[in-house]
């Protein structure tokens, strides 16, 4: 209800790529972001091409991410701290945007969260349940389909070899658990490996970047909207994505963690921040992975604030209750500011709002099946609207057909022809030039002539 009421060119591209998946996806090299693409194709196939079917995969995955984020934080913090910090994270503008953005970007946060949680359940547990080990191998293997998450898998493998605690945990695993996990891992990555063999550019996109010269510019562009309190950027991301209250908590959490720099929790935070910065230079979309370390630092800040208050009145339970009220006020204030910034920002910040349109909703609402949408093949969104022929029964043509009496529709600008009579103009509040659909009927003379 509060997500941007439209879709962007990135989401259109994602849908087009999802629809290309077929039985030859391996030989065609269509393995990048395969888990998300497959879910999105299923969603649009079942529910038709609409605003909600495009975003539904991100909504589902974001809900799962939020649940696993609570579980992850609960491994390192008390339950009350974990719940408060997870609320601050999941109701932030950054997370809410990902939850309503129909591209695979949400997968960076999802895979990192679930892999960290599963890893924390395995490490230090002398009697690990077999399903945890198998699930860990499955999730690591699936994450490899997301560009540049292979570096996370390599870091896990390196830590398993060099870190004493991780080596000890591996030694506690049963032989059959390792065999099954390795088998599951190999089965899951087989299509990925074959796809890289058939199409070598796939490996380049998964591991590296096509132009290393853009590394620094990619990094600065990727993080520019995250903490900018002055300028708005021509991007799908609001500026700032993290409010002033959240930034203050991040700083408090970082300061509180300095004294425990070499604990497993803070080591993970440091490595994740470093990963997000480096990989953003290879792929700007990967910068959003910084949500995970930010959520951990936010939890560290909440924990520090509560501990400081409790230390003042260590044996007074009433003071503990009273001390919870400022924390509650802080949470409500930060979430209220983030929600209002998110809702109004995507509707009233011109450089951001112009990156979204609700044309697909206008088409689905106002055009009957069999209508003809006139669109040139060099239109930037031609491939996306071409999907309407299979999904909604709307024909796409480059010229006005000579036969037939169905409505003729132009998107964005009127047609220049004498054989059509303009019947309706459909407007949109999402665009400065609000006239979006021009609906024509053939003139009486033209009908008689045909």
Protein backbone atom coordinates (compact mmCIF):
# COMPACT_ATOMS: atom_id res chain seq x y z
CA UNK A 1 0.00 0.00 0.00
CA UNK A 2 2.86 2.41 0.67
CA UNK A 3 5.34 1.17 -1.94
CA UNK A 4 6.04 3.33 -5.00
CA UNK A 5 2.83 3.13 -7.06
CA UNK A 6 4.60 2.22 -10.26
CA UNK A 7 7.45 0.30 -11.80
CA UNK A 8 10.86 1.40 -13.01
CA UNK A 9 12.87 0.50 -16.10
CA UNK A 10 14.97 -1.85 -13.92
CA UNK A 11 11.83 -3.79 -12.97
CA UNK A 12 10.71 -3.94 -16.59
CA UNK A 13 14.11 -5.33 -17.56
CA UNK A 14 13.87 -7.89 -14.77
CA UNK A 15 10.49 -9.12 -16.04
CA UNK A 16 11.78 -9.37 -19.60
CA UNK A 17 14.76 -11.42 -18.44
CA UNK A 18 12.49 -13.62 -16.34
CA UNK A 19 10.23 -14.39 -19.28
CA UNK A 20 13.21 -15.49 -21.38
CA UNK A 21 13.79 -18.49 -19.12
CA UNK A 22 12.86 -21.71 -20.93
CA UNK A 23 14.00 -25.33 -21.12
CA UNK A 24 17.21 -24.15 -22.79
CA UNK A 25 18.16 -21.71 -20.04
CA UNK A 26 21.47 -23.47 -19.37
CA UNK A 27 22.74 -23.41 -22.94
CA UNK A 28 21.46 -19.83 -23.33
CA UNK A 29 23.37 -18.71 -20.26
CA UNK A 30 20.19 -17.60 -18.45
CA UNK A 31 21.43 -18.62 -15.01
CA UNK A 32 22.19 -15.22 -13.49
CA UNK A 33 19.69 -14.53 -10.66
CA UNK A 34 17.90 -17.73 -11.68
CA UNK A 35 16.06 -18.36 -8.34
CA UNK A 36 14.47 -14.90 -8.36
CA UNK A 37 13.80 -14.90 -12.11
CA UNK A 38 12.03 -18.26 -11.88
CA UNK A 39 9.74 -17.03 -9.06
CA UNK A 40 8.98 -13.82 -10.94
CA UNK A 41 8.13 -15.73 -14.12
CA UNK A 42 5.82 -18.00 -12.13
CA UNK A 43 4.15 -14.97 -10.53
CA UNK A 44 3.50 -13.15 -13.82
CA UNK A 45 2.39 -16.39 -15.51
CA UNK A 46 -0.18 -17.16 -12.80
CA UNK A 47 -1.45 -13.64 -12.07
CA UNK A 48 -0.80 -11.93 -15.40
CA UNK A 49 1.46 -8.98 -16.06
CA UNK A 50 0.54 -6.42 -13.42
CA UNK A 51 2.07 -4.11 -10.87
CA UNK A 52 1.59 -6.62 -8.07
CA UNK A 53 2.64 -9.79 -9.88
CA UNK A 54 5.93 -8.07 -10.76
CA UNK A 55 6.61 -7.09 -7.15
CA UNK A 56 5.17 -10.21 -5.44
CA UNK A 57 8.48 -12.18 -5.40
CA UNK A 58 10.25 -9.31 -3.61
CA UNK A 59 7.41 -9.02 -1.10
CA UNK A 60 7.57 -12.74 -0.25
CA UNK A 61 11.37 -12.81 -0.03
CA UNK A 62 11.42 -9.62 2.09
CA UNK A 63 9.01 -11.20 4.60
CA UNK A 64 11.28 -14.24 4.86
CA UNK A 65 14.31 -11.96 5.19
CA UNK A 66 12.67 -10.07 8.05
CA UNK A 67 11.95 -13.33 9.89
CA UNK A 68 15.49 -14.62 9.49
CA UNK A 69 16.86 -11.22 10.48
CA UNK A 70 15.09 -11.54 13.84
CA UNK A 71 16.53 -15.04 14.27
CA UNK A 72 20.02 -13.87 13.31
CA UNK A 73 20.02 -10.93 15.71
CA UNK A 74 18.63 -13.19 18.43
CA UNK A 75 21.79 -15.31 18.14
CA UNK A 76 23.98 -12.37 19.19
CA UNK A 77 21.62 -10.23 21.28
CA UNK A 78 18.81 -10.64 23.79
CA UNK A 79 15.34 -11.13 22.37
CA UNK A 80 14.13 -7.62 23.24
CA UNK A 81 17.16 -6.04 21.55
CA UNK A 82 16.78 -8.31 18.51
CA UNK A 83 13.11 -7.43 18.07
CA UNK A 84 13.64 -3.67 18.49
CA UNK A 85 16.58 -3.56 16.06
CA UNK A 86 14.81 -5.76 13.50
CA UNK A 87 11.83 -3.39 13.60
CA UNK A 88 14.16 -0.44 13.00
CA UNK A 89 15.69 -2.26 10.03
CA UNK A 90 12.58 -3.67 8.36
CA UNK A 91 10.66 -0.40 8.63
CA UNK A 92 13.53 1.66 7.24
CA UNK A 93 13.16 3.28 3.84
CA UNK A 94 15.92 1.04 2.45
CA UNK A 95 14.27 -2.25 3.43
CA UNK A 96 10.74 -1.15 2.54
CA UNK A 97 11.95 -0.12 -0.88
CA UNK A 98 13.60 -3.50 -1.49
CA UNK A 99 10.40 -5.24 -0.39
CA UNK A 100 8.45 -3.45 -3.11
CA UNK A 101 11.09 -3.38 -5.85
CA UNK A 102 10.58 -6.11 -8.44
CA UNK A 103 14.25 -6.89 -9.14
CA UNK A 104 16.68 -9.46 -7.66
CA UNK A 105 18.35 -6.81 -5.46
CA UNK A 106 16.56 -8.18 -2.38
CA UNK A 107 18.51 -11.42 -2.80
CA UNK A 108 21.73 -9.82 -1.51
CA UNK A 109 20.15 -9.15 1.88
CA UNK A 110 18.19 -12.42 1.89
CA UNK A 111 21.12 -14.75 1.22
CA UNK A 112 23.51 -12.95 3.56
CA UNK A 113 20.96 -13.03 6.39
CA UNK A 114 20.03 -16.69 6.06
CA UNK A 115 23.63 -17.86 5.53
CA UNK A 116 24.82 -15.96 8.61
CA UNK A 117 21.97 -17.39 10.70
CA UNK A 118 22.58 -20.97 9.59
CA UNK A 119 26.32 -20.54 10.08
CA UNK A 120 25.79 -19.20 13.62
CA UNK A 121 23.63 -22.25 14.40
CA UNK A 122 26.36 -24.63 13.21
CA UNK A 123 29.48 -22.98 14.63
CA UNK A 124 30.06 -23.90 18.26
CA UNK A 125 27.35 -26.58 18.25
CA UNK A 126 28.73 -30.04 18.98
CA UNK A 127 25.45 -31.73 18.02
CA UNK A 128 24.29 -29.95 14.88
CA UNK A 129 21.04 -31.15 13.32
CA UNK A 130 21.69 -32.65 9.85
CA UNK A 131 19.08 -30.40 8.22
CA UNK A 132 20.96 -27.29 9.33
CA UNK A 133 24.12 -28.47 7.58
CA UNK A 134 22.25 -29.49 4.43
CA UNK A 135 20.29 -26.20 4.43
CA UNK A 136 23.54 -24.26 4.80
CA UNK A 137 25.08 -26.03 1.78
CA UNK A 138 21.85 -25.51 -0.19
CA UNK A 139 21.68 -21.76 0.57
CA UNK A 140 25.36 -21.14 -0.17
CA UNK A 141 24.96 -22.96 -3.49
CA UNK A 142 21.80 -21.00 -4.39
CA UNK A 143 23.45 -17.70 -3.46
CA UNK A 144 26.08 -18.27 -6.15
CA UNK A 145 23.45 -17.48 -8.79
CA UNK A 146 23.44 -13.88 -7.50
CA UNK A 147 26.32 -11.82 -8.98
CA UNK A 148 29.37 -11.43 -6.73
CA UNK A 149 28.04 -13.45 -3.81
CA UNK A 150 30.65 -16.01 -4.80
CA UNK A 151 33.10 -13.94 -2.75
CA UNK A 152 31.03 -14.67 0.36
CA UNK A 153 31.22 -18.40 -0.41
CA UNK A 154 34.98 -18.15 -0.90
CA UNK A 155 35.32 -16.28 2.42
CA UNK A 156 33.35 -19.03 4.16
CA UNK A 157 35.56 -21.71 2.60
CA UNK A 158 38.73 -19.82 3.58
CA UNK A 159 37.49 -19.33 7.15
CA UNK A 160 36.61 -23.03 7.39
CA UNK A 161 40.21 -23.89 6.55
CA UNK A 162 42.04 -21.28 8.62
CA UNK A 163 39.82 -20.46 11.63
CA UNK A 164 40.31 -22.86 14.59
CA UNK A 165 36.71 -22.67 15.85
CA UNK A 166 35.28 -23.35 12.40
CA UNK A 167 37.68 -26.23 11.85
CA UNK A 168 36.58 -27.68 15.18
CA UNK A 169 32.91 -27.34 14.21
CA UNK A 170 33.56 -29.08 10.90
CA UNK A 171 35.25 -31.96 12.69
CA UNK A 172 32.14 -32.44 14.85
CA UNK A 173 29.96 -33.06 11.80
CA UNK A 174 29.09 -36.63 10.88
CA UNK A 175 30.58 -38.06 7.70
CA UNK A 176 27.14 -38.70 6.18
CA UNK A 177 26.20 -35.05 6.86
CA UNK A 178 29.23 -33.84 4.92
CA UNK A 179 28.62 -36.27 2.06
CA UNK A 180 24.95 -35.29 1.69
CA UNK A 181 25.77 -31.57 1.98
CA UNK A 182 28.51 -31.78 -0.65
CA UNK A 183 26.17 -33.74 -2.92
CA UNK A 184 23.40 -31.15 -2.53
CA UNK A 185 25.90 -28.35 -3.21
CA UNK A 186 27.15 -30.02 -6.41
CA UNK A 187 23.64 -30.71 -7.69
CA UNK A 188 22.51 -27.10 -7.09
CA UNK A 189 25.51 -25.46 -8.77
CA UNK A 190 25.59 -27.83 -11.78
CA UNK A 191 23.29 -25.65 -13.94
CA UNK A 192 25.37 -22.61 -12.96
CA UNK A 193 28.64 -24.28 -13.95
CA UNK A 194 27.19 -25.51 -17.24
CA UNK A 195 25.74 -22.07 -17.95
CA UNK A 196 29.18 -20.50 -17.46
CA UNK A 197 30.73 -23.10 -19.78
CA UNK A 198 28.19 -22.50 -22.56
CA UNK A 199 28.28 -18.71 -22.15
CA UNK A 200 31.55 -17.31 -20.85
CA UNK A 201 30.15 -13.78 -20.37
CA UNK A 202 27.99 -15.28 -17.62
CA UNK A 203 31.08 -16.01 -15.53
CA UNK A 204 32.29 -12.45 -16.08
CA UNK A 205 29.00 -11.01 -14.78
CA UNK A 206 28.93 -13.33 -11.76
CA UNK A 207 32.53 -12.78 -10.65
CA UNK A 208 33.94 -9.61 -12.13
CA UNK A 209 32.88 -6.54 -14.09
CA UNK A 210 32.97 -5.73 -17.77
CA UNK A 211 34.75 -2.42 -17.21
CA UNK A 212 37.17 -2.15 -14.29
CA UNK A 213 37.76 1.53 -15.12
CA UNK A 214 34.35 2.37 -13.67
CA UNK A 215 35.14 0.81 -10.26
CA UNK A 216 35.53 4.05 -8.29
CA UNK A 217 32.66 5.83 -10.01
CA UNK A 218 30.40 2.81 -9.42
CA UNK A 219 31.22 2.85 -5.71
CA UNK A 220 30.55 6.57 -5.27
CA UNK A 221 27.36 6.42 -7.36
CA UNK A 222 26.09 3.35 -5.50
CA UNK A 223 26.46 4.84 -2.01
CA UNK A 224 25.64 8.46 -2.88
CA UNK A 225 21.91 8.22 -2.01
CA UNK A 226 22.43 6.21 1.17
CA UNK A 227 23.52 8.93 3.55
CA UNK A 228 22.96 12.14 1.58
CA UNK A 229 20.95 14.62 3.66
CA UNK A 230 21.28 17.49 1.18
CA UNK A 231 20.88 16.34 -2.42
CA UNK A 232 18.31 14.11 -4.11
CA UNK A 233 19.70 11.91 -6.87
CA UNK A 234 18.26 10.78 -10.17
CA UNK A 235 17.89 7.23 -8.92
CA UNK A 236 15.33 4.69 -7.78
CA UNK A 237 16.74 5.15 -4.27
CA UNK A 238 15.64 7.96 -1.99
CA UNK A 239 18.27 10.16 -0.38
CA UNK A 240 18.92 9.47 2.37
CA UNK A 241 17.95 5.82 2.54
CA UNK A 242 18.93 5.79 6.20
CA UNK A 243 17.55 8.58 8.34
CA UNK A 244 19.48 10.74 10.77
CA UNK A 245 18.24 8.70 13.75
CA UNK A 246 19.44 5.45 12.18
CA UNK A 247 22.82 7.00 11.36
CA UNK A 248 23.16 8.11 14.98
CA UNK A 249 22.46 4.54 16.13
CA UNK A 250 25.00 3.19 13.63
CA UNK A 251 27.67 5.48 15.09
CA UNK A 252 26.74 4.49 18.66
CA UNK A 253 26.82 0.81 17.67
CA UNK A 254 30.22 1.18 16.02
CA UNK A 255 31.65 2.96 19.10
CA UNK A 256 30.19 0.32 21.41
CA UNK A 257 31.77 -2.42 19.29
CA UNK A 258 35.30 -1.00 19.34
CA UNK A 259 36.10 -2.67 22.65
CA UNK A 260 34.94 -6.03 21.26
CA UNK A 261 36.56 -5.66 17.87
CA UNK A 262 37.74 -9.24 17.51
CA UNK A 263 34.57 -11.02 18.59
CA UNK A 264 32.86 -13.12 15.92
CA UNK A 265 29.97 -10.66 15.67
CA UNK A 266 32.14 -7.62 15.03
CA UNK A 267 34.41 -9.55 12.69
CA UNK A 268 31.35 -10.40 10.61
CA UNK A 269 30.23 -6.76 10.62
CA UNK A 270 33.64 -5.52 9.50
CA UNK A 271 33.88 -8.08 6.70
CA UNK A 272 30.33 -7.34 5.48
CA UNK A 273 30.98 -3.59 5.33
CA UNK A 274 34.21 -4.21 3.45
CA UNK A 275 32.40 -6.62 1.12
CA UNK A 276 29.62 -4.13 0.36
CA UNK A 277 32.09 -1.34 -0.42
CA UNK A 278 34.33 -3.43 -2.67
CA UNK A 279 31.58 -5.27 -4.52
CA UNK A 280 29.62 -2.03 -5.11
CA UNK A 281 32.48 -1.05 -7.44
CA UNK A 282 31.79 -4.17 -9.50
CA UNK A 283 28.01 -4.01 -9.31
CA UNK A 284 26.13 -1.00 -7.96
CA UNK A 285 23.16 -3.15 -6.96
CA UNK A 286 25.34 -5.05 -4.47
CA UNK A 287 25.75 -1.92 -2.31
CA UNK A 288 22.36 -2.65 -0.76
CA UNK A 289 24.02 -5.57 1.08
CA UNK A 290 25.17 -2.99 3.63
CA UNK A 291 21.70 -3.29 5.22
CA UNK A 292 22.86 -6.45 7.02
CA UNK A 293 25.86 -4.95 8.91
CA UNK A 294 23.81 -1.81 9.58
CA UNK A 295 21.10 -3.91 11.26
CA UNK A 296 23.75 -5.55 13.47
CA UNK A 297 25.28 -2.19 14.40
CA UNK A 298 21.81 -0.84 15.17
CA UNK A 299 21.24 -3.78 17.52
CA UNK A 300 24.61 -3.12 19.17
CA UNK A 301 23.55 0.50 19.75
CA UNK A 302 20.22 -0.47 21.30
CA UNK A 303 22.00 -3.00 23.51
CA UNK A 304 24.54 -0.38 24.61
CA UNK A 305 21.84 2.16 25.47
CA UNK A 306 19.88 -0.34 27.55
CA UNK A 307 23.00 -1.60 29.34
CA UNK A 308 24.12 1.94 30.19
CA UNK A 309 20.75 2.69 31.75
CA UNK A 310 20.64 -0.59 33.66
CA UNK A 311 24.15 0.05 35.00
CA UNK A 312 22.90 3.25 36.65
CA UNK A 313 20.21 1.33 38.56
CA UNK A 314 21.41 -2.28 38.55
CA UNK A 315 18.96 -3.55 41.18
CA UNK A 316 15.94 -1.36 40.60
CA UNK A 317 13.37 -3.12 38.37
CA UNK A 318 11.16 -0.02 38.25
CA UNK A 319 14.02 1.99 36.79
CA UNK A 320 14.44 -0.69 34.13
CA UNK A 321 10.77 -0.30 33.15
CA UNK A 322 11.03 3.49 33.10
CA UNK A 323 14.23 3.20 31.05
CA UNK A 324 12.37 1.24 28.39
CA UNK A 325 10.11 4.23 27.68
CA UNK A 326 12.84 6.40 26.03
CA UNK A 327 13.86 3.41 23.92
CA UNK A 328 10.24 2.93 22.86
CA UNK A 329 9.96 6.63 22.04
CA UNK A 330 13.20 6.44 20.04
CA UNK A 331 11.91 3.49 18.00
CA UNK A 332 8.59 5.19 17.29
CA UNK A 333 10.29 8.44 16.33
CA UNK A 334 12.81 6.81 13.96
CA UNK A 335 10.20 4.53 12.35
CA UNK A 336 7.70 7.37 12.00
CA UNK A 337 10.29 9.57 10.31
CA UNK A 338 11.43 6.73 8.01
CA UNK A 339 7.87 5.81 7.01
CA UNK A 340 6.87 9.38 6.22
CA UNK A 341 10.11 9.91 4.30
CA UNK A 342 9.47 6.71 2.33
CA UNK A 343 5.81 7.40 1.55
CA UNK A 344 6.10 11.06 0.63
CA UNK A 345 9.58 10.82 -0.88
CA UNK A 346 8.54 8.40 -3.61
CA UNK A 347 5.51 10.51 -4.45
CA UNK A 348 6.86 14.05 -4.24
CA UNK A 349 10.61 13.94 -4.93
CA UNK A 350 10.64 14.66 -8.69
CA UNK A 351 14.00 13.14 -9.65
CA UNK A 352 13.05 9.92 -7.86
CA UNK A 353 9.35 9.73 -8.73
CA UNK A 354 10.09 10.23 -12.43
CA UNK A 355 11.87 6.87 -12.46
CA UNK A 356 8.53 5.11 -11.86
CA UNK A 357 5.33 4.92 -13.86
CA UNK A 358 1.99 3.15 -13.47
CA UNK A 359 1.34 2.72 -17.20
CA UNK A 360 0.88 -1.04 -16.83
CA UNK A 361 -1.92 -0.45 -14.30
CA UNK A 362 -3.58 2.07 -16.62
CA UNK A 363 -3.38 -0.40 -19.51
CA UNK A 364 -4.83 -3.27 -17.48
CA UNK A 365 -7.64 -1.09 -16.14
CA UNK A 366 -8.68 0.77 -19.29
CA UNK A 367 -7.90 -1.50 -22.25
CA UNK A 368 -9.98 -4.48 -23.26
CA UNK A 369 -8.46 -7.67 -24.60
CA UNK A 370 -7.79 -7.35 -28.33
CA UNK A 371 -6.89 -3.65 -28.22
CA UNK A 372 -3.86 -2.64 -30.26
CA UNK A 373 -1.05 -0.72 -28.60
CA UNK A 374 1.05 1.19 -31.12
CA UNK A 375 4.71 1.24 -30.18
CA UNK A 376 7.89 1.45 -32.24
CA UNK A 377 10.41 -1.37 -31.87
CA UNK A 378 13.14 1.06 -30.79
CA UNK A 379 11.06 2.18 -27.78
CA UNK A 380 13.11 1.55 -24.62
CA UNK A 381 10.32 -0.52 -23.07
CA UNK A 382 9.19 -2.33 -26.23
CA UNK A 383 10.28 -5.78 -25.00
CA UNK A 384 8.35 -5.33 -21.76
CA UNK A 385 5.06 -4.27 -23.36
CA UNK A 386 5.45 -6.99 -25.97
CA UNK A 387 4.79 -9.42 -23.12
CA UNK A 388 1.22 -8.09 -22.92
CA UNK A 389 0.37 -10.08 -26.05
CA UNK A 390 0.77 -13.34 -24.15
CA UNK A 391 -0.33 -12.10 -20.75
CA UNK A 392 -3.31 -9.79 -21.34
CA UNK A 393 -4.29 -10.37 -24.95
CA UNK A 394 -3.35 -6.84 -26.05
CA UNK A 395 -1.74 -6.71 -29.49
CA UNK A 396 1.47 -4.71 -29.98
CA UNK A 397 1.99 -3.16 -33.41
CA UNK A 398 4.33 -0.62 -34.93
CA UNK A 399 1.70 0.72 -37.33
CA UNK A 400 -2.07 1.10 -37.24
CA UNK A 401 -3.57 -2.14 -38.66
CA UNK A 402 -5.69 -1.81 -41.75
CA UNK A 403 -8.29 -4.31 -40.58
CA UNK A 404 -10.21 -4.69 -37.35
CA UNK A 405 -12.29 -2.31 -35.28
CA UNK A 406 -10.70 -2.76 -31.87
CA UNK A 407 -9.45 0.36 -30.04
CA UNK A 408 -6.08 1.73 -31.12
CA UNK A 409 -3.93 2.99 -28.25
CA UNK A 410 -0.82 5.16 -28.14
CA UNK A 411 1.40 5.35 -25.07
CA UNK A 412 2.87 8.68 -24.02
CA UNK A 413 2.15 10.76 -27.12
CA UNK A 414 -0.68 11.09 -29.66
CA UNK A 415 -0.68 9.44 -33.06
CA UNK A 416 -0.51 11.55 -36.22
CA UNK A 417 -3.07 10.05 -38.58
CA UNK A 418 -6.32 11.07 -40.27
CA UNK A 419 -7.98 7.65 -40.03
CA UNK A 420 -8.46 7.65 -36.28
CA UNK A 421 -10.79 9.50 -33.95
CA UNK A 422 -9.56 10.27 -30.44
CA UNK A 423 -12.08 8.97 -27.91
CA UNK A 424 -10.36 9.10 -24.54
CA UNK A 425 -7.19 10.32 -22.85
CA UNK A 426 -6.09 8.46 -19.73
CA UNK A 427 -3.94 10.49 -17.36
CA UNK A 428 -1.56 9.51 -14.59
CA UNK A 429 -0.55 11.41 -11.44
CA UNK A 430 2.87 9.72 -11.65
CA UNK A 431 4.09 11.77 -14.62
CA UNK A 432 4.69 15.47 -15.23
CA UNK A 433 3.24 15.01 -18.72
CA UNK A 434 0.20 13.30 -17.28
CA UNK A 435 -1.50 12.21 -20.53
CA UNK A 436 -0.34 8.59 -20.84
CA UNK A 437 -2.85 6.67 -22.97
CA UNK A 438 -4.51 8.02 -26.11
CA UNK A 439 -7.38 5.73 -27.09
CA UNK A 440 -8.63 5.95 -30.68
CA UNK A 441 -11.31 4.38 -32.82
CA UNK A 442 -11.23 4.18 -36.57
CA UNK A 443 -13.29 6.88 -38.25
CA UNK A 444 -16.60 6.02 -39.91
CA UNK A 445 -15.15 6.68 -43.35
CA UNK A 446 -12.27 4.36 -42.63
CA UNK A 447 -14.61 1.65 -41.39
CA UNK A 448 -16.77 1.82 -44.53
CA UNK A 449 -13.69 1.84 -46.72
CA UNK A 450 -12.31 -1.26 -45.06
